[in-house]
N, C-alpha and C. Protein backbone atom coordinates (compact mmCIF):
# COMPACT_ATOMS: atom_id res chain seq x y z
N MET A 1 -4.93 2.52 -15.84
CA MET A 1 -5.17 1.17 -15.36
C MET A 1 -3.82 0.45 -15.24
N PRO A 2 -3.65 -0.30 -14.16
CA PRO A 2 -2.37 -1.00 -13.99
C PRO A 2 -2.18 -2.09 -15.04
N THR A 3 -0.95 -2.22 -15.49
CA THR A 3 -0.61 -3.19 -16.53
C THR A 3 0.62 -3.97 -16.12
N HIS A 4 0.57 -5.27 -16.27
CA HIS A 4 1.75 -6.11 -16.11
C HIS A 4 2.22 -6.52 -17.50
N THR A 5 3.48 -6.25 -17.80
CA THR A 5 4.09 -6.71 -19.04
C THR A 5 5.04 -7.84 -18.67
N ILE A 6 4.75 -9.02 -19.20
CA ILE A 6 5.51 -10.21 -18.89
C ILE A 6 6.46 -10.49 -20.04
N THR A 7 7.74 -10.62 -19.74
CA THR A 7 8.75 -10.91 -20.75
C THR A 7 9.31 -12.31 -20.49
N ILE A 8 9.36 -13.09 -21.55
CA ILE A 8 9.89 -14.45 -21.46
C ILE A 8 11.05 -14.56 -22.43
N GLY A 9 12.13 -15.17 -21.99
CA GLY A 9 13.28 -15.33 -22.88
C GLY A 9 14.13 -16.52 -22.49
N VAL A 10 14.76 -17.09 -23.48
CA VAL A 10 15.69 -18.20 -23.26
C VAL A 10 16.95 -17.91 -24.05
N VAL A 11 18.10 -18.06 -23.40
CA VAL A 11 19.39 -17.90 -24.05
C VAL A 11 20.12 -19.23 -23.93
N SER A 12 20.61 -19.73 -25.04
CA SER A 12 21.33 -21.00 -25.06
C SER A 12 22.68 -20.78 -25.72
N SER A 13 23.71 -21.42 -25.20
CA SER A 13 25.02 -21.28 -25.83
C SER A 13 24.96 -21.88 -27.23
N GLY A 14 25.45 -21.15 -28.19
CA GLY A 14 25.49 -21.62 -29.57
C GLY A 14 24.22 -21.39 -30.36
N SER A 15 23.19 -20.81 -29.75
CA SER A 15 21.94 -20.54 -30.45
C SER A 15 21.53 -19.10 -30.24
N SER A 16 20.70 -18.62 -31.12
CA SER A 16 20.16 -17.27 -30.96
C SER A 16 19.13 -17.26 -29.84
N PRO A 17 19.09 -16.18 -29.05
CA PRO A 17 18.09 -16.10 -27.99
C PRO A 17 16.67 -16.02 -28.57
N ILE A 18 15.72 -16.52 -27.81
CA ILE A 18 14.31 -16.44 -28.17
C ILE A 18 13.63 -15.69 -27.04
N SER A 19 12.88 -14.65 -27.38
CA SER A 19 12.19 -13.90 -26.34
C SER A 19 10.95 -13.23 -26.91
N GLY A 20 10.08 -12.84 -26.02
CA GLY A 20 8.87 -12.13 -26.39
C GLY A 20 8.20 -11.59 -25.14
N SER A 21 7.19 -10.77 -25.33
CA SER A 21 6.47 -10.22 -24.18
C SER A 21 5.00 -10.03 -24.53
N TYR A 22 4.19 -9.93 -23.51
CA TYR A 22 2.77 -9.68 -23.65
C TYR A 22 2.31 -8.93 -22.40
N SER A 23 1.15 -8.32 -22.48
CA SER A 23 0.66 -7.50 -21.37
C SER A 23 -0.72 -7.95 -20.91
N GLN A 24 -0.98 -7.70 -19.64
CA GLN A 24 -2.30 -7.93 -19.06
C GLN A 24 -2.70 -6.66 -18.33
N VAL A 25 -3.90 -6.15 -18.61
CA VAL A 25 -4.40 -4.93 -18.00
C VAL A 25 -5.43 -5.30 -16.94
N GLY A 26 -5.30 -4.74 -15.76
CA GLY A 26 -6.24 -5.00 -14.68
C GLY A 26 -6.89 -3.73 -14.18
N THR A 27 -7.63 -3.85 -13.10
CA THR A 27 -8.27 -2.68 -12.49
C THR A 27 -7.59 -2.28 -11.19
N ALA A 28 -6.81 -3.20 -10.60
CA ALA A 28 -6.11 -2.88 -9.35
C ALA A 28 -4.82 -3.68 -9.26
N GLU A 29 -3.85 -3.08 -8.57
CA GLU A 29 -2.58 -3.77 -8.35
C GLU A 29 -2.15 -3.58 -6.90
N ALA A 30 -1.74 -4.68 -6.28
CA ALA A 30 -1.15 -4.62 -4.95
C ALA A 30 0.34 -4.86 -5.09
N SER A 31 1.12 -4.06 -4.37
CA SER A 31 2.57 -4.19 -4.39
C SER A 31 3.05 -4.48 -2.97
N ILE A 32 3.83 -5.52 -2.84
CA ILE A 32 4.40 -5.89 -1.54
C ILE A 32 5.91 -5.81 -1.65
N ASP A 33 6.53 -5.11 -0.74
CA ASP A 33 7.98 -5.02 -0.66
C ASP A 33 8.33 -4.86 0.82
N THR A 34 8.65 -5.97 1.46
CA THR A 34 8.89 -5.95 2.89
C THR A 34 10.09 -6.83 3.23
N THR A 35 10.73 -6.53 4.33
CA THR A 35 11.85 -7.35 4.79
C THR A 35 11.44 -8.07 6.06
N LEU A 36 11.60 -9.37 6.03
CA LEU A 36 11.27 -10.21 7.19
C LEU A 36 12.56 -10.49 7.95
N PRO A 37 12.54 -10.40 9.28
CA PRO A 37 13.75 -10.66 10.04
C PRO A 37 14.12 -12.15 10.02
N ALA A 38 15.36 -12.44 10.35
CA ALA A 38 15.80 -13.83 10.45
C ALA A 38 14.94 -14.57 11.46
N ALA A 39 14.77 -15.86 11.25
CA ALA A 39 13.99 -16.73 12.12
C ALA A 39 12.51 -16.33 12.17
N SER A 40 12.00 -15.82 11.06
CA SER A 40 10.57 -15.50 10.99
C SER A 40 9.77 -16.79 10.83
N THR A 41 8.73 -16.93 11.63
CA THR A 41 7.86 -18.10 11.54
C THR A 41 6.42 -17.65 11.38
N ASN A 42 5.82 -18.03 10.26
CA ASN A 42 4.43 -17.71 9.96
C ASN A 42 4.10 -16.22 10.13
N THR A 43 4.98 -15.38 9.57
CA THR A 43 4.74 -13.94 9.59
C THR A 43 3.61 -13.62 8.63
N LEU A 44 2.59 -12.92 9.11
CA LEU A 44 1.40 -12.60 8.32
C LEU A 44 1.69 -11.48 7.32
N VAL A 45 1.31 -11.72 6.06
CA VAL A 45 1.30 -10.69 5.03
C VAL A 45 -0.13 -10.67 4.48
N ALA A 46 -0.83 -9.56 4.66
CA ALA A 46 -2.23 -9.46 4.22
C ALA A 46 -2.30 -9.29 2.71
N VAL A 47 -3.11 -10.10 2.05
CA VAL A 47 -3.36 -10.02 0.61
C VAL A 47 -4.85 -10.28 0.40
N ASN A 48 -5.33 -10.03 -0.83
CA ASN A 48 -6.74 -10.28 -1.12
C ASN A 48 -6.92 -10.42 -2.63
N TYR A 49 -7.07 -11.65 -3.09
CA TYR A 49 -7.27 -11.89 -4.52
C TYR A 49 -7.88 -13.26 -4.74
N GLY A 50 -8.31 -13.51 -5.97
CA GLY A 50 -8.83 -14.82 -6.34
C GLY A 50 -10.16 -15.15 -5.70
N ALA A 51 -11.15 -14.31 -5.90
CA ALA A 51 -12.47 -14.53 -5.29
C ALA A 51 -12.97 -15.94 -5.56
N ALA A 52 -13.67 -16.49 -4.60
CA ALA A 52 -14.21 -17.85 -4.73
C ALA A 52 -15.19 -17.93 -5.89
N GLY A 53 -15.33 -19.12 -6.44
CA GLY A 53 -16.29 -19.33 -7.52
C GLY A 53 -15.64 -19.73 -8.83
N THR A 54 -14.41 -19.29 -9.06
CA THR A 54 -13.68 -19.70 -10.26
C THR A 54 -12.25 -20.04 -9.85
N ALA A 55 -11.54 -20.68 -10.75
CA ALA A 55 -10.17 -21.11 -10.44
C ALA A 55 -9.27 -19.92 -10.10
N THR A 56 -9.34 -18.86 -10.89
CA THR A 56 -8.48 -17.71 -10.64
C THR A 56 -9.22 -16.54 -10.04
N GLY A 57 -10.55 -16.55 -10.08
CA GLY A 57 -11.31 -15.42 -9.55
C GLY A 57 -10.88 -14.14 -10.21
N ASN A 58 -10.50 -13.14 -9.42
CA ASN A 58 -10.10 -11.85 -9.97
C ASN A 58 -8.60 -11.73 -10.23
N LEU A 59 -7.83 -12.79 -10.02
CA LEU A 59 -6.39 -12.75 -10.22
C LEU A 59 -6.05 -12.83 -11.70
N LEU A 60 -5.26 -11.85 -12.18
CA LEU A 60 -4.83 -11.83 -13.58
C LEU A 60 -3.35 -12.14 -13.72
N SER A 61 -2.54 -11.68 -12.77
CA SER A 61 -1.09 -11.86 -12.86
C SER A 61 -0.50 -11.70 -11.46
N ILE A 62 0.47 -12.54 -11.15
CA ILE A 62 1.16 -12.42 -9.87
C ILE A 62 2.63 -12.79 -10.05
N GLN A 63 3.49 -12.02 -9.41
CA GLN A 63 4.93 -12.26 -9.42
C GLN A 63 5.39 -12.17 -7.98
N ILE A 64 6.08 -13.19 -7.49
CA ILE A 64 6.57 -13.22 -6.12
C ILE A 64 8.06 -13.57 -6.15
N LYS A 65 8.84 -12.84 -5.35
CA LYS A 65 10.27 -13.11 -5.28
C LYS A 65 10.74 -12.91 -3.84
N ALA A 66 11.55 -13.84 -3.36
CA ALA A 66 12.15 -13.75 -2.04
C ALA A 66 13.67 -13.76 -2.19
N SER A 67 14.36 -12.97 -1.39
CA SER A 67 15.82 -12.90 -1.50
C SER A 67 16.50 -14.12 -0.88
N GLN A 68 15.79 -14.85 -0.05
CA GLN A 68 16.30 -16.07 0.59
C GLN A 68 15.25 -17.17 0.48
N ASN A 69 15.66 -18.41 0.66
CA ASN A 69 14.70 -19.51 0.66
C ASN A 69 13.67 -19.30 1.76
N CYS A 70 12.41 -19.52 1.44
CA CYS A 70 11.36 -19.42 2.46
C CYS A 70 10.14 -20.21 2.02
N THR A 71 9.19 -20.31 2.92
CA THR A 71 7.94 -21.03 2.65
C THR A 71 6.78 -20.06 2.78
N LEU A 72 5.87 -20.13 1.82
CA LEU A 72 4.68 -19.29 1.81
C LEU A 72 3.46 -20.20 1.95
N LYS A 73 2.66 -19.94 2.96
CA LYS A 73 1.40 -20.68 3.16
C LYS A 73 0.25 -19.71 2.93
N THR A 74 -0.85 -20.21 2.35
CA THR A 74 -1.99 -19.33 2.10
C THR A 74 -3.12 -19.60 3.08
N ASN A 75 -3.72 -18.51 3.56
CA ASN A 75 -4.96 -18.47 4.35
C ASN A 75 -4.86 -19.00 5.78
N SER A 76 -3.89 -19.84 6.09
CA SER A 76 -3.77 -20.39 7.44
C SER A 76 -2.33 -20.86 7.65
N SER A 77 -1.81 -20.62 8.83
CA SER A 77 -0.46 -21.12 9.12
C SER A 77 -0.49 -22.59 9.52
N GLY A 78 -1.63 -23.06 10.04
CA GLY A 78 -1.73 -24.44 10.50
C GLY A 78 -2.30 -25.41 9.48
N SER A 79 -3.30 -24.97 8.73
CA SER A 79 -3.93 -25.80 7.69
C SER A 79 -4.04 -24.98 6.41
N PRO A 80 -2.91 -24.70 5.77
CA PRO A 80 -2.92 -23.81 4.61
C PRO A 80 -3.64 -24.42 3.41
N THR A 81 -4.20 -23.54 2.58
CA THR A 81 -4.79 -23.97 1.32
C THR A 81 -3.69 -24.45 0.39
N GLN A 82 -2.61 -23.70 0.30
CA GLN A 82 -1.43 -24.09 -0.48
C GLN A 82 -0.19 -23.81 0.35
N THR A 83 0.86 -24.58 0.10
CA THR A 83 2.18 -24.32 0.64
C THR A 83 3.13 -24.26 -0.54
N ILE A 84 3.82 -23.12 -0.68
CA ILE A 84 4.69 -22.89 -1.84
C ILE A 84 6.09 -22.60 -1.33
N THR A 85 7.07 -23.30 -1.87
CA THR A 85 8.46 -23.04 -1.53
C THR A 85 9.00 -21.98 -2.47
N LEU A 86 9.54 -20.92 -1.89
CA LEU A 86 10.19 -19.86 -2.67
C LEU A 86 11.69 -20.03 -2.53
N SER A 87 12.38 -20.18 -3.65
CA SER A 87 13.84 -20.31 -3.66
C SER A 87 14.46 -18.94 -3.83
N ALA A 88 15.60 -18.75 -3.19
CA ALA A 88 16.27 -17.44 -3.17
C ALA A 88 16.44 -16.87 -4.57
N ASN A 89 15.91 -15.67 -4.77
CA ASN A 89 16.07 -14.88 -5.99
C ASN A 89 15.56 -15.55 -7.26
N ILE A 90 14.65 -16.51 -7.12
CA ILE A 90 14.02 -17.13 -8.29
C ILE A 90 12.54 -16.76 -8.26
N PRO A 91 12.11 -15.86 -9.12
CA PRO A 91 10.71 -15.41 -9.09
C PRO A 91 9.74 -16.54 -9.40
N ARG A 92 8.60 -16.51 -8.73
CA ARG A 92 7.46 -17.38 -9.06
C ARG A 92 6.45 -16.48 -9.75
N GLN A 93 5.96 -16.93 -10.89
CA GLN A 93 5.08 -16.07 -11.68
C GLN A 93 3.91 -16.88 -12.21
N TRP A 94 2.74 -16.26 -12.21
CA TRP A 94 1.57 -16.85 -12.85
C TRP A 94 0.81 -15.72 -13.54
N ASP A 95 0.27 -16.04 -14.71
CA ASP A 95 -0.61 -15.10 -15.40
C ASP A 95 -1.59 -15.89 -16.25
N PHE A 96 -2.44 -15.16 -16.94
CA PHE A 96 -3.55 -15.76 -17.68
C PHE A 96 -3.12 -16.74 -18.76
N THR A 97 -1.86 -16.74 -19.20
CA THR A 97 -1.41 -17.67 -20.24
C THR A 97 -0.94 -19.00 -19.68
N ASN A 98 -0.81 -19.08 -18.36
CA ASN A 98 -0.27 -20.27 -17.71
C ASN A 98 -1.41 -21.19 -17.29
N PRO A 99 -1.47 -22.40 -17.82
CA PRO A 99 -2.58 -23.29 -17.47
C PRO A 99 -2.50 -23.85 -16.05
N SER A 100 -1.33 -23.87 -15.45
CA SER A 100 -1.15 -24.43 -14.12
C SER A 100 -1.22 -23.31 -13.08
N LEU A 101 -2.25 -23.33 -12.25
CA LEU A 101 -2.46 -22.26 -11.28
C LEU A 101 -1.44 -22.32 -10.14
N LEU A 102 -0.91 -21.17 -9.79
CA LEU A 102 -0.04 -21.07 -8.63
C LEU A 102 -0.88 -21.07 -7.36
N PHE A 103 -2.08 -20.49 -7.44
CA PHE A 103 -3.01 -20.42 -6.31
C PHE A 103 -4.39 -20.85 -6.78
N SER A 104 -5.21 -21.29 -5.86
CA SER A 104 -6.59 -21.62 -6.20
C SER A 104 -7.52 -21.03 -5.15
N GLY A 105 -8.70 -20.61 -5.58
CA GLY A 105 -9.67 -20.04 -4.66
C GLY A 105 -9.26 -18.69 -4.11
N ALA A 106 -9.99 -18.24 -3.12
CA ALA A 106 -9.72 -16.93 -2.51
C ALA A 106 -8.49 -17.02 -1.61
N VAL A 107 -7.64 -16.01 -1.70
CA VAL A 107 -6.45 -15.93 -0.84
C VAL A 107 -6.53 -14.60 -0.10
N THR A 108 -6.56 -14.67 1.22
CA THR A 108 -6.68 -13.46 2.04
C THR A 108 -5.48 -13.23 2.94
N ALA A 109 -4.55 -14.19 2.97
CA ALA A 109 -3.37 -14.03 3.82
C ALA A 109 -2.26 -14.95 3.35
N TRP A 110 -1.03 -14.46 3.48
CA TRP A 110 0.16 -15.29 3.32
C TRP A 110 0.82 -15.40 4.69
N TYR A 111 1.36 -16.56 4.99
CA TYR A 111 2.16 -16.77 6.19
C TYR A 111 3.54 -17.21 5.72
N ILE A 112 4.54 -16.39 6.03
CA ILE A 112 5.90 -16.60 5.52
C ILE A 112 6.81 -17.10 6.64
N THR A 113 7.56 -18.15 6.34
CA THR A 113 8.56 -18.67 7.26
C THR A 113 9.91 -18.67 6.55
N CYS A 114 10.92 -18.08 7.21
CA CYS A 114 12.26 -18.04 6.62
C CYS A 114 13.31 -18.10 7.73
N THR A 115 14.44 -18.70 7.42
CA THR A 115 15.53 -18.83 8.37
C THR A 115 16.36 -17.55 8.42
N ASN A 116 16.71 -17.04 7.24
CA ASN A 116 17.53 -15.83 7.13
C ASN A 116 16.64 -14.61 6.91
N ALA A 117 17.17 -13.43 7.21
CA ALA A 117 16.44 -12.20 6.88
C ALA A 117 16.14 -12.23 5.38
N THR A 118 14.92 -11.89 5.01
CA THR A 118 14.46 -12.06 3.63
C THR A 118 13.68 -10.85 3.16
N ARG A 119 14.04 -10.37 1.98
CA ARG A 119 13.22 -9.34 1.32
C ARG A 119 12.19 -10.07 0.47
N LEU A 120 10.92 -9.79 0.72
CA LEU A 120 9.82 -10.39 -0.02
C LEU A 120 9.19 -9.32 -0.90
N GLN A 121 9.11 -9.60 -2.20
CA GLN A 121 8.51 -8.68 -3.15
C GLN A 121 7.40 -9.39 -3.91
N ALA A 122 6.32 -8.68 -4.20
CA ALA A 122 5.24 -9.26 -5.00
C ALA A 122 4.48 -8.15 -5.71
N LEU A 123 4.01 -8.47 -6.90
CA LEU A 123 3.08 -7.62 -7.64
C LEU A 123 1.88 -8.49 -7.97
N ILE A 124 0.69 -8.02 -7.59
CA ILE A 124 -0.54 -8.79 -7.76
C ILE A 124 -1.51 -7.94 -8.56
N LEU A 125 -1.84 -8.39 -9.77
CA LEU A 125 -2.76 -7.67 -10.65
C LEU A 125 -4.11 -8.37 -10.63
N THR A 126 -5.17 -7.61 -10.36
CA THR A 126 -6.51 -8.17 -10.31
C THR A 126 -7.47 -7.41 -11.22
N ALA A 127 -8.56 -8.10 -11.56
CA ALA A 127 -9.58 -7.50 -12.42
C ALA A 127 -10.54 -6.68 -11.59
């Protein structure tokens, strides 16, 4: 069964680092690793998670990272359910321990817009 192990850590000058990890086990995992060309506008990336009916549905853990700044829209390029800004090389992560949802409801498509060529990576763990 696919497992996501999430590691959290903070390092501060003059203090000892604090870190820990925990795991979430799912029944399926989708992996996305694609490169979008420069000047991509609403490029479709097919996904499927978060069945309707509950806040997270079948989503247990998601990690998204873009190599360049870009915008991710869910379900529609014109009237998206959510619009999320991805900053270059700063992962966006959500899992069962996070009370603030990154996504809500069913998500069946991402539409990505980026100025520069961008490597988009994601791991999506579902129940």
